[in-house]
Amino acid sequence: MTPELLCRILEGALLAADRPLSLEQMERLFEDAERPSRAELRQALEALARACDDRGYALRQVGSGYRFQVREALSPWISRLWEERPPRYSRALLETLALIAYRQPITRAEIEAVRGVTVSTQIIKTLTEREWVRVVGHKEVPGRPALYGTTPRFLDYFNLSSLDDLPSLMALKDLGPAQQQDGEPPVP
């Protein structure tokens, strides 16, 4: 199989897929006799990424695989395709999500201890319904409370390839409260 054909096959699969595709899923596109190596797949993906350099979309690697996505610079125009406004999330929900992302695995009681207030059941329900967090185990203490962690869907939604892509806590502390609230777009 030529590198050009491999690129076209991967491009078609990524365009047809309704979710990011992992390397394993891409491998399953091919019969055993024609299956490209991981190195060949990565080379083809790099070629696809370069081919998108002058386009309105880019090939991105996110938590669960690779996907094409519209470039951020075009969002003011592209967002007009959707009439409904993205949901706005409360500060409490975002603080809870941040604590789970940065300190996982973490129990609800540990979240409450850091925030100083009770975490509502609705917040945990919303985060699990969005598939941003899940129960990753239970703490070995009386009552065996659930331990929460983020999911690949969290990474995909926030355009991260891994938790290492989260901003450092020091970088967040450098933002003053006024900078965090004023001019920040709502989290969809």
N, C-alpha and C. Protein backbone atom coordinates (compact mmCIF):
# COMPACT_ATOMS: atom_id res chain seq x y z
N MET A 1 0.85 -1.17 0.00
CA MET A 1 0.00 0.00 0.00
C MET A 1 0.90 1.24 0.00
N THR A 2 0.55 2.18 -0.84
CA THR A 2 1.36 3.39 -0.93
C THR A 2 1.04 4.32 0.24
N PRO A 3 1.99 5.16 0.61
CA PRO A 3 1.73 6.13 1.68
C PRO A 3 0.55 7.06 1.35
N GLU A 4 0.40 7.41 0.07
CA GLU A 4 -0.70 8.29 -0.33
C GLU A 4 -2.05 7.61 -0.12
N LEU A 5 -2.15 6.33 -0.46
CA LEU A 5 -3.39 5.60 -0.26
C LEU A 5 -3.69 5.46 1.23
N LEU A 6 -2.67 5.17 2.02
CA LEU A 6 -2.86 5.06 3.46
C LEU A 6 -3.39 6.38 4.03
N CYS A 7 -2.83 7.51 3.60
CA CYS A 7 -3.30 8.82 4.05
C CYS A 7 -4.76 9.03 3.67
N ARG A 8 -5.14 8.67 2.45
CA ARG A 8 -6.54 8.86 2.02
C ARG A 8 -7.48 7.99 2.83
N ILE A 9 -7.07 6.75 3.11
CA ILE A 9 -7.92 5.84 3.91
C ILE A 9 -8.12 6.42 5.31
N LEU A 10 -7.03 6.85 5.94
CA LEU A 10 -7.13 7.41 7.29
C LEU A 10 -7.95 8.69 7.29
N GLU A 11 -7.74 9.53 6.30
CA GLU A 11 -8.51 10.77 6.20
C GLU A 11 -10.00 10.47 6.08
N GLY A 12 -10.36 9.52 5.22
CA GLY A 12 -11.76 9.14 5.06
C GLY A 12 -12.35 8.59 6.34
N ALA A 13 -11.59 7.75 7.04
CA ALA A 13 -12.08 7.16 8.29
C ALA A 13 -12.28 8.23 9.35
N LEU A 14 -11.33 9.16 9.45
CA LEU A 14 -11.45 10.23 10.45
C LEU A 14 -12.61 11.16 10.14
N LEU A 15 -12.88 11.40 8.87
CA LEU A 15 -14.01 12.24 8.49
C LEU A 15 -15.34 11.53 8.74
N ALA A 16 -15.37 10.23 8.55
CA ALA A 16 -16.61 9.47 8.71
C ALA A 16 -16.92 9.17 10.18
N ALA A 17 -15.90 9.10 11.01
CA ALA A 17 -16.10 8.73 12.41
C ALA A 17 -16.78 9.86 13.18
N ASP A 18 -17.64 9.49 14.11
CA ASP A 18 -18.31 10.49 14.93
C ASP A 18 -17.60 10.71 16.27
N ARG A 19 -16.38 10.18 16.36
CA ARG A 19 -15.59 10.29 17.59
C ARG A 19 -14.12 10.18 17.20
N PRO A 20 -13.22 10.53 18.10
CA PRO A 20 -11.79 10.34 17.79
C PRO A 20 -11.49 8.85 17.59
N LEU A 21 -10.52 8.57 16.74
CA LEU A 21 -10.11 7.19 16.47
C LEU A 21 -8.73 6.94 17.06
N SER A 22 -8.60 5.84 17.78
CA SER A 22 -7.31 5.44 18.34
C SER A 22 -6.50 4.72 17.26
N LEU A 23 -5.22 4.53 17.52
CA LEU A 23 -4.39 3.77 16.57
C LEU A 23 -4.91 2.35 16.42
N GLU A 24 -5.40 1.76 17.52
CA GLU A 24 -5.94 0.39 17.46
C GLU A 24 -7.15 0.34 16.53
N GLN A 25 -8.02 1.34 16.61
CA GLN A 25 -9.19 1.37 15.73
C GLN A 25 -8.78 1.56 14.28
N MET A 26 -7.75 2.36 14.05
CA MET A 26 -7.26 2.55 12.69
C MET A 26 -6.67 1.26 12.15
N GLU A 27 -5.97 0.51 13.00
CA GLU A 27 -5.39 -0.76 12.56
C GLU A 27 -6.48 -1.73 12.10
N ARG A 28 -7.64 -1.68 12.78
CA ARG A 28 -8.74 -2.60 12.44
C ARG A 28 -9.38 -2.29 11.09
N LEU A 29 -9.02 -1.18 10.47
CA LEU A 29 -9.54 -0.87 9.14
C LEU A 29 -8.96 -1.80 8.08
N PHE A 30 -7.87 -2.46 8.39
CA PHE A 30 -7.12 -3.22 7.40
C PHE A 30 -7.14 -4.72 7.70
N GLU A 31 -7.11 -5.51 6.63
CA GLU A 31 -6.94 -6.96 6.77
C GLU A 31 -5.52 -7.22 7.27
N ASP A 32 -5.29 -8.38 7.87
CA ASP A 32 -3.98 -8.71 8.42
C ASP A 32 -2.85 -8.54 7.41
N ALA A 33 -3.08 -8.99 6.18
CA ALA A 33 -2.02 -8.97 5.17
C ALA A 33 -1.64 -7.56 4.74
N GLU A 34 -2.58 -6.62 4.83
CA GLU A 34 -2.30 -5.25 4.37
C GLU A 34 -2.13 -4.25 5.50
N ARG A 35 -2.21 -4.71 6.74
CA ARG A 35 -2.18 -3.81 7.91
C ARG A 35 -0.84 -3.08 8.00
N PRO A 36 -0.88 -1.75 8.01
CA PRO A 36 0.38 -0.99 8.16
C PRO A 36 0.88 -1.08 9.61
N SER A 37 2.15 -0.83 9.78
CA SER A 37 2.74 -0.83 11.12
C SER A 37 2.31 0.45 11.85
N ARG A 38 2.53 0.46 13.15
CA ARG A 38 2.23 1.67 13.94
C ARG A 38 3.05 2.85 13.43
N ALA A 39 4.30 2.59 13.08
CA ALA A 39 5.16 3.66 12.58
C ALA A 39 4.60 4.23 11.27
N GLU A 40 4.10 3.36 10.39
CA GLU A 40 3.51 3.83 9.14
C GLU A 40 2.23 4.63 9.39
N LEU A 41 1.43 4.17 10.37
CA LEU A 41 0.23 4.93 10.72
C LEU A 41 0.60 6.32 11.23
N ARG A 42 1.59 6.37 12.11
CA ARG A 42 2.00 7.67 12.66
C ARG A 42 2.54 8.59 11.56
N GLN A 43 3.32 8.02 10.63
CA GLN A 43 3.84 8.83 9.52
C GLN A 43 2.71 9.38 8.66
N ALA A 44 1.70 8.54 8.41
CA ALA A 44 0.56 8.98 7.61
C ALA A 44 -0.22 10.07 8.35
N LEU A 45 -0.37 9.93 9.66
CA LEU A 45 -1.06 10.95 10.44
C LEU A 45 -0.28 12.26 10.45
N GLU A 46 1.04 12.18 10.52
CA GLU A 46 1.87 13.39 10.45
C GLU A 46 1.71 14.07 9.09
N ALA A 47 1.65 13.25 8.02
CA ALA A 47 1.46 13.82 6.68
C ALA A 47 0.09 14.48 6.57
N LEU A 48 -0.94 13.85 7.14
CA LEU A 48 -2.27 14.46 7.14
C LEU A 48 -2.27 15.77 7.91
N ALA A 49 -1.60 15.80 9.04
CA ALA A 49 -1.53 17.03 9.84
C ALA A 49 -0.86 18.15 9.05
N ARG A 50 0.22 17.82 8.35
CA ARG A 50 0.91 18.83 7.53
C ARG A 50 0.02 19.31 6.38
N ALA A 51 -0.75 18.40 5.80
CA ALA A 51 -1.64 18.76 4.69
C ALA A 51 -2.74 19.71 5.13
N CYS A 52 -3.03 19.74 6.41
CA CYS A 52 -4.09 20.63 6.95
C CYS A 52 -3.56 22.01 7.32
N ASP A 53 -2.27 22.24 7.18
CA ASP A 53 -1.68 23.50 7.64
C ASP A 53 -2.36 24.73 7.08
N ASP A 54 -2.81 24.70 5.84
CA ASP A 54 -3.42 25.88 5.24
C ASP A 54 -4.94 25.74 5.10
N ARG A 55 -5.52 24.92 5.95
CA ARG A 55 -6.97 24.68 5.90
C ARG A 55 -7.64 25.22 7.16
N GLY A 56 -8.94 25.21 7.16
CA GLY A 56 -9.71 25.69 8.29
C GLY A 56 -9.86 24.67 9.40
N TYR A 57 -9.26 23.54 9.22
CA TYR A 57 -9.31 22.49 10.24
C TYR A 57 -7.93 21.89 10.42
N ALA A 58 -7.78 21.18 11.53
CA ALA A 58 -6.49 20.57 11.85
C ALA A 58 -6.73 19.15 12.34
N LEU A 59 -5.71 18.33 12.23
CA LEU A 59 -5.74 16.99 12.81
C LEU A 59 -5.17 17.13 14.21
N ARG A 60 -5.96 16.72 15.21
CA ARG A 60 -5.54 16.85 16.61
C ARG A 60 -5.53 15.49 17.27
N GLN A 61 -4.57 15.29 18.15
CA GLN A 61 -4.57 14.11 19.00
C GLN A 61 -5.17 14.53 20.33
N VAL A 62 -6.23 13.83 20.74
CA VAL A 62 -6.88 14.08 22.02
C VAL A 62 -6.80 12.80 22.84
N GLY A 63 -7.41 12.79 24.00
CA GLY A 63 -7.28 11.68 24.93
C GLY A 63 -7.61 10.31 24.37
N SER A 64 -8.62 10.21 23.51
CA SER A 64 -9.03 8.89 23.03
C SER A 64 -8.59 8.61 21.60
N GLY A 65 -7.82 9.49 21.00
CA GLY A 65 -7.34 9.22 19.65
C GLY A 65 -7.11 10.48 18.85
N TYR A 66 -7.37 10.38 17.55
CA TYR A 66 -7.15 11.48 16.62
C TYR A 66 -8.48 11.90 16.02
N ARG A 67 -8.60 13.21 15.73
CA ARG A 67 -9.80 13.72 15.08
C ARG A 67 -9.46 14.98 14.31
N PHE A 68 -10.30 15.29 13.33
CA PHE A 68 -10.22 16.57 12.66
C PHE A 68 -11.09 17.54 13.45
N GLN A 69 -10.62 18.78 13.59
CA GLN A 69 -11.44 19.79 14.25
C GLN A 69 -11.16 21.15 13.65
N VAL A 70 -12.17 21.99 13.71
CA VAL A 70 -12.07 23.35 13.20
C VAL A 70 -11.04 24.11 14.03
N ARG A 71 -10.27 24.92 13.38
CA ARG A 71 -9.28 25.73 14.09
C ARG A 71 -9.97 26.74 15.01
N GLU A 72 -9.38 26.95 16.18
CA GLU A 72 -9.96 27.85 17.18
C GLU A 72 -10.18 29.25 16.65
N ALA A 73 -9.29 29.72 15.80
CA ALA A 73 -9.39 31.08 15.28
C ALA A 73 -10.67 31.30 14.48
N LEU A 74 -11.29 30.23 14.02
CA LEU A 74 -12.50 30.35 13.21
C LEU A 74 -13.78 30.21 14.03
N SER A 75 -13.67 29.98 15.32
CA SER A 75 -14.85 29.72 16.14
C SER A 75 -15.88 30.85 16.14
N PRO A 76 -15.50 32.14 16.03
CA PRO A 76 -16.55 33.17 16.00
C PRO A 76 -17.54 32.98 14.83
N TRP A 77 -17.06 32.46 13.71
CA TRP A 77 -17.92 32.26 12.56
C TRP A 77 -18.61 30.90 12.61
N ILE A 78 -17.86 29.88 12.93
CA ILE A 78 -18.40 28.52 12.92
C ILE A 78 -19.46 28.34 14.00
N SER A 79 -19.30 28.99 15.13
CA SER A 79 -20.27 28.84 16.23
C SER A 79 -21.65 29.32 15.84
N ARG A 80 -21.76 30.14 14.81
CA ARG A 80 -23.07 30.65 14.37
C ARG A 80 -23.90 29.56 13.71
N LEU A 81 -23.31 28.41 13.42
CA LEU A 81 -24.07 27.30 12.84
C LEU A 81 -25.03 26.69 13.85
N TRP A 82 -24.74 26.86 15.13
CA TRP A 82 -25.58 26.28 16.16
C TRP A 82 -26.35 27.39 16.84
N GLU A 83 -27.66 27.27 16.81
CA GLU A 83 -28.50 28.30 17.40
C GLU A 83 -28.49 28.26 18.92
N GLU A 84 -28.46 27.06 19.48
CA GLU A 84 -28.51 26.99 20.94
C GLU A 84 -27.18 27.40 21.54
N ARG A 85 -27.28 28.06 22.63
CA ARG A 85 -26.08 28.52 23.33
C ARG A 85 -25.50 27.36 24.12
N PRO A 86 -24.20 27.29 24.20
CA PRO A 86 -23.62 26.23 25.02
C PRO A 86 -24.01 26.44 26.49
N PRO A 87 -24.18 25.35 27.21
CA PRO A 87 -24.56 25.51 28.62
C PRO A 87 -23.48 26.24 29.40
N ARG A 88 -23.90 27.01 30.37
CA ARG A 88 -22.97 27.68 31.26
C ARG A 88 -22.91 26.87 32.54
N TYR A 89 -21.73 26.66 33.01
CA TYR A 89 -21.56 25.86 34.21
C TYR A 89 -21.24 26.75 35.39
N SER A 90 -21.77 26.34 36.53
CA SER A 90 -21.56 27.13 37.75
C SER A 90 -20.10 27.05 38.19
N ARG A 91 -19.74 28.03 38.98
CA ARG A 91 -18.39 28.04 39.56
C ARG A 91 -18.18 26.80 40.41
N ALA A 92 -19.20 26.37 41.15
CA ALA A 92 -19.09 25.19 42.00
C ALA A 92 -18.79 23.94 41.16
N LEU A 93 -19.47 23.81 40.03
CA LEU A 93 -19.24 22.66 39.16
C LEU A 93 -17.81 22.68 38.62
N LEU A 94 -17.38 23.85 38.16
CA LEU A 94 -16.04 23.95 37.58
C LEU A 94 -14.95 23.73 38.64
N GLU A 95 -15.17 24.22 39.86
CA GLU A 95 -14.21 23.98 40.93
C GLU A 95 -14.13 22.49 41.25
N THR A 96 -15.27 21.83 41.30
CA THR A 96 -15.31 20.39 41.57
C THR A 96 -14.59 19.63 40.47
N LEU A 97 -14.86 19.99 39.22
CA LEU A 97 -14.19 19.33 38.09
C LEU A 97 -12.69 19.55 38.15
N ALA A 98 -12.26 20.76 38.46
CA ALA A 98 -10.83 21.06 38.55
C ALA A 98 -10.17 20.23 39.65
N LEU A 99 -10.82 20.12 40.79
CA LEU A 99 -10.26 19.32 41.89
C LEU A 99 -10.12 17.86 41.48
N ILE A 100 -11.12 17.33 40.79
CA ILE A 100 -11.04 15.94 40.35
C ILE A 100 -9.90 15.79 39.34
N ALA A 101 -9.80 16.73 38.40
CA ALA A 101 -8.77 16.63 37.37
C ALA A 101 -7.36 16.71 37.95
N TYR A 102 -7.15 17.62 38.89
CA TYR A 102 -5.80 17.83 39.42
C TYR A 102 -5.43 16.88 40.55
N ARG A 103 -6.41 16.36 41.29
CA ARG A 103 -6.08 15.56 42.47
C ARG A 103 -6.60 14.13 42.40
N GLN A 104 -6.97 13.67 41.24
CA GLN A 104 -7.55 12.34 41.14
C GLN A 104 -6.57 11.25 41.51
N PRO A 105 -7.05 10.15 42.07
CA PRO A 105 -8.43 9.90 42.48
C PRO A 105 -8.73 10.63 43.78
N ILE A 106 -9.97 11.12 43.89
CA ILE A 106 -10.37 11.93 45.03
C ILE A 106 -11.80 11.59 45.43
N THR A 107 -12.06 11.62 46.72
CA THR A 107 -13.41 11.34 47.21
C THR A 107 -14.21 12.63 47.31
N ARG A 108 -15.49 12.48 47.42
CA ARG A 108 -16.38 13.63 47.58
C ARG A 108 -16.04 14.40 48.87
N ALA A 109 -15.75 13.67 49.94
CA ALA A 109 -15.40 14.31 51.21
C ALA A 109 -14.11 15.13 51.07
N GLU A 110 -13.14 14.63 50.31
CA GLU A 110 -11.89 15.37 50.09
C GLU A 110 -12.15 16.64 49.28
N ILE A 111 -13.06 16.55 48.31
CA ILE A 111 -13.43 17.74 47.53
C ILE A 111 -14.07 18.76 48.45
N GLU A 112 -14.98 18.29 49.30
CA GLU A 112 -15.67 19.18 50.23
C GLU A 112 -14.70 19.83 51.21
N ALA A 113 -13.68 19.07 51.64
CA ALA A 113 -12.70 19.61 52.58
C ALA A 113 -11.90 20.75 51.93
N VAL A 114 -11.56 20.61 50.67
CA VAL A 114 -10.80 21.65 49.98
C VAL A 114 -11.70 22.86 49.69
N ARG A 115 -12.91 22.61 49.20
CA ARG A 115 -13.81 23.71 48.84
C ARG A 115 -14.43 24.37 50.06
N GLY A 116 -14.55 23.63 51.15
CA GLY A 116 -15.15 24.20 52.36
C GLY A 116 -16.66 24.22 52.35
N VAL A 117 -17.26 23.61 51.35
CA VAL A 117 -18.72 23.53 51.25
C VAL A 117 -19.09 22.14 50.74
N THR A 118 -20.35 21.79 50.93
CA THR A 118 -20.85 20.50 50.47
C THR A 118 -20.94 20.48 48.95
N VAL A 119 -20.57 19.36 48.36
CA VAL A 119 -20.70 19.18 46.92
C VAL A 119 -22.10 18.61 46.66
N SER A 120 -22.89 19.32 45.89
CA SER A 120 -24.26 18.87 45.66
C SER A 120 -24.27 17.60 44.79
N THR A 121 -25.27 16.80 45.03
CA THR A 121 -25.44 15.58 44.24
C THR A 121 -25.61 15.92 42.78
N GLN A 122 -26.26 17.05 42.48
CA GLN A 122 -26.49 17.46 41.09
C GLN A 122 -25.18 17.73 40.36
N ILE A 123 -24.20 18.27 41.05
CA ILE A 123 -22.91 18.53 40.40
C ILE A 123 -22.26 17.22 39.99
N ILE A 124 -22.20 16.26 40.90
CA ILE A 124 -21.61 14.96 40.57
C ILE A 124 -22.41 14.29 39.45
N LYS A 125 -23.73 14.40 39.52
CA LYS A 125 -24.59 13.81 38.49
C LYS A 125 -24.30 14.44 37.12
N THR A 126 -24.19 15.77 37.08
CA THR A 126 -23.91 16.45 35.81
C THR A 126 -22.56 16.02 35.25
N LEU A 127 -21.56 15.96 36.09
CA LEU A 127 -20.21 15.57 35.64
C LEU A 127 -20.19 14.14 35.13
N THR A 128 -20.93 13.24 35.78
CA THR A 128 -20.96 11.85 35.31
C THR A 128 -21.83 11.69 34.07
N GLU A 129 -22.92 12.44 33.99
CA GLU A 129 -23.77 12.39 32.78
C GLU A 129 -23.02 12.91 31.56
N ARG A 130 -22.20 13.94 31.74
CA ARG A 130 -21.39 14.46 30.64
C ARG A 130 -20.24 13.52 30.30
N GLU A 131 -20.06 12.51 31.16
CA GLU A 131 -18.97 11.53 31.02
C GLU A 131 -17.60 12.19 31.12
N TRP A 132 -17.52 13.22 31.97
CA TRP A 132 -16.25 13.88 32.24
C TRP A 132 -15.57 13.23 33.43
N VAL A 133 -16.34 12.67 34.36
CA VAL A 133 -15.76 11.98 35.51
C VAL A 133 -16.47 10.63 35.68
N ARG A 134 -15.81 9.74 36.39
CA ARG A 134 -16.39 8.43 36.69
C ARG A 134 -15.79 7.93 37.99
N VAL A 135 -16.44 6.94 38.56
CA VAL A 135 -15.92 6.30 39.75
C VAL A 135 -14.80 5.37 39.30
N VAL A 136 -13.61 5.59 39.86
CA VAL A 136 -12.44 4.80 39.46
C VAL A 136 -12.06 3.77 40.52
N GLY A 137 -12.80 3.75 41.63
CA GLY A 137 -12.52 2.81 42.70
C GLY A 137 -13.20 3.27 43.98
N HIS A 138 -12.83 2.61 45.07
CA HIS A 138 -13.37 2.97 46.38
C HIS A 138 -12.22 3.02 47.37
N LYS A 139 -12.24 4.02 48.22
CA LYS A 139 -11.19 4.20 49.21
C LYS A 139 -11.36 3.15 50.31
N GLU A 140 -10.25 2.58 50.74
CA GLU A 140 -10.27 1.53 51.76
C GLU A 140 -10.35 2.12 53.16
N VAL A 141 -11.47 2.77 53.44
CA VAL A 141 -11.77 3.32 54.75
C VAL A 141 -13.22 2.95 55.06
N PRO A 142 -13.66 3.10 56.29
CA PRO A 142 -15.06 2.78 56.59
C PRO A 142 -16.02 3.54 55.67
N GLY A 143 -17.00 2.82 55.19
CA GLY A 143 -17.97 3.39 54.26
C GLY A 143 -17.55 3.25 52.81
N ARG A 144 -16.28 2.95 52.56
CA ARG A 144 -15.73 2.79 51.21
C ARG A 144 -16.26 3.83 50.21
N PRO A 145 -15.92 5.12 50.46
CA PRO A 145 -16.42 6.16 49.55
C PRO A 145 -15.84 6.03 48.15
N ALA A 146 -16.62 6.47 47.17
CA ALA A 146 -16.20 6.42 45.77
C ALA A 146 -15.02 7.36 45.54
N LEU A 147 -14.11 6.91 44.71
CA LEU A 147 -12.99 7.73 44.24
C LEU A 147 -13.31 8.17 42.82
N TYR A 148 -13.21 9.48 42.54
CA TYR A 148 -13.54 10.01 41.23
C TYR A 148 -12.28 10.35 40.45
N GLY A 149 -12.37 10.15 39.14
CA GLY A 149 -11.30 10.52 38.23
C GLY A 149 -11.90 10.96 36.90
N THR A 150 -11.09 11.58 36.08
CA THR A 150 -11.57 12.05 34.78
C THR A 150 -11.57 10.90 33.78
N THR A 151 -12.21 11.15 32.64
CA THR A 151 -12.37 10.15 31.59
C THR A 151 -11.72 10.63 30.30
N PRO A 152 -11.55 9.74 29.34
CA PRO A 152 -11.07 10.20 28.02
C PRO A 152 -12.01 11.25 27.40
N ARG A 153 -13.29 11.16 27.69
CA ARG A 153 -14.25 12.14 27.16
C ARG A 153 -13.95 13.55 27.70
N PHE A 154 -13.51 13.64 28.96
CA PHE A 154 -13.08 14.92 29.54
C PHE A 154 -11.92 15.47 28.71
N LEU A 155 -10.94 14.62 28.44
CA LEU A 155 -9.79 15.06 27.65
C LEU A 155 -10.22 15.53 26.27
N ASP A 156 -11.10 14.74 25.63
CA ASP A 156 -11.57 15.10 24.30
C ASP A 156 -12.30 16.44 24.31
N TYR A 157 -13.20 16.62 25.26
CA TYR A 157 -14.02 17.83 25.31
C TYR A 157 -13.17 19.08 25.51
N PHE A 158 -12.17 18.97 26.36
CA PHE A 158 -11.33 20.13 26.65
C PHE A 158 -10.07 20.17 25.78
N ASN A 159 -10.07 19.33 24.74
CA ASN A 159 -9.01 19.36 23.72
C ASN A 159 -7.63 19.07 24.32
N LEU A 160 -7.56 18.07 25.16
CA LEU A 160 -6.32 17.67 25.81
C LEU A 160 -5.94 16.28 25.33
N SER A 161 -4.65 16.04 25.13
CA SER A 161 -4.25 14.68 24.79
C SER A 161 -3.94 13.87 26.04
N SER A 162 -3.60 14.53 27.12
CA SER A 162 -3.39 13.85 28.41
C SER A 162 -3.55 14.87 29.52
N LEU A 163 -3.58 14.38 30.75
CA LEU A 163 -3.69 15.30 31.90
C LEU A 163 -2.46 16.19 32.02
N ASP A 164 -1.36 15.78 31.43
CA ASP A 164 -0.15 16.61 31.44
C ASP A 164 -0.36 17.93 30.70
N ASP A 165 -1.39 17.99 29.83
CA ASP A 165 -1.67 19.21 29.08
C ASP A 165 -2.44 20.25 29.90
N LEU A 166 -2.91 19.86 31.09
CA LEU A 166 -3.58 20.83 31.95
C LEU A 166 -2.58 21.92 32.34
N PRO A 167 -3.04 23.15 32.47
CA PRO A 167 -2.11 24.20 32.92
C PRO A 167 -1.61 23.87 34.33
N SER A 168 -0.40 24.26 34.60
CA SER A 168 0.13 24.00 35.94
C SER A 168 -0.63 24.83 36.95
N LEU A 169 -0.66 24.36 38.17
CA LEU A 169 -1.35 25.11 39.22
C LEU A 169 -0.69 26.47 39.44
N MET A 170 0.62 26.54 39.26
CA MET A 170 1.32 27.82 39.40
C MET A 170 0.85 28.81 38.34
N ALA A 171 0.64 28.33 37.10
CA ALA A 171 0.17 29.21 36.03
C ALA A 171 -1.23 29.73 36.36
N LEU A 172 -2.05 28.88 36.96
CA LEU A 172 -3.39 29.32 37.33
C LEU A 172 -3.35 30.33 38.47
N LYS A 173 -2.42 30.14 39.42
CA LYS A 173 -2.30 31.07 40.53
C LYS A 173 -1.81 32.43 40.04
N ASP A 174 -1.01 32.44 38.96
CA ASP A 174 -0.50 33.70 38.41
C ASP A 174 -1.60 34.56 37.83
N LEU A 175 -2.73 33.93 37.42
CA LEU A 175 -3.87 34.70 36.95
C LEU A 175 -4.57 35.29 38.15
N GLY A 176 -4.75 36.56 38.16
CA GLY A 176 -5.49 37.18 39.26
C GLY A 176 -6.97 36.87 39.13
N PRO A 177 -7.74 37.03 40.19
CA PRO A 177 -9.18 36.77 40.12
C PRO A 177 -9.87 37.59 39.04
N ALA A 178 -9.44 38.84 38.83
CA ALA A 178 -10.06 39.67 37.81
C ALA A 178 -9.81 39.09 36.42
N GLN A 179 -8.60 38.57 36.20
CA GLN A 179 -8.28 37.99 34.91
C GLN A 179 -9.06 36.72 34.66
N GLN A 180 -9.32 35.96 35.69
CA GLN A 180 -10.04 34.70 35.52
C GLN A 180 -11.51 34.96 35.21
N GLN A 181 -12.08 36.02 35.71
CA GLN A 181 -13.51 36.23 35.53
C GLN A 181 -13.80 37.16 34.35
N ASP A 182 -13.05 38.22 34.19
CA ASP A 182 -13.33 39.18 33.14
C ASP A 182 -12.75 38.71 31.82
N GLY A 183 -13.57 38.72 30.80
CA GLY A 183 -13.10 38.39 29.46
C GLY A 183 -12.93 36.92 29.19
N GLU A 184 -13.14 36.07 30.16
CA GLU A 184 -13.02 34.64 29.93
C GLU A 184 -14.28 34.14 29.26
N PRO A 185 -14.15 33.37 28.18
CA PRO A 185 -15.34 32.83 27.56
C PRO A 185 -15.95 31.76 28.48
N PRO A 186 -17.27 31.60 28.45
CA PRO A 186 -17.88 30.58 29.27
C PRO A 186 -17.42 29.21 28.83
N VAL A 187 -17.29 28.30 29.74
CA VAL A 187 -16.94 26.93 29.40
C VAL A 187 -18.18 26.27 28.84
N PRO A 188 -18.11 25.77 27.58
CA PRO A 188 -19.31 25.16 26.98
C PRO A 188 -19.65 23.84 27.63
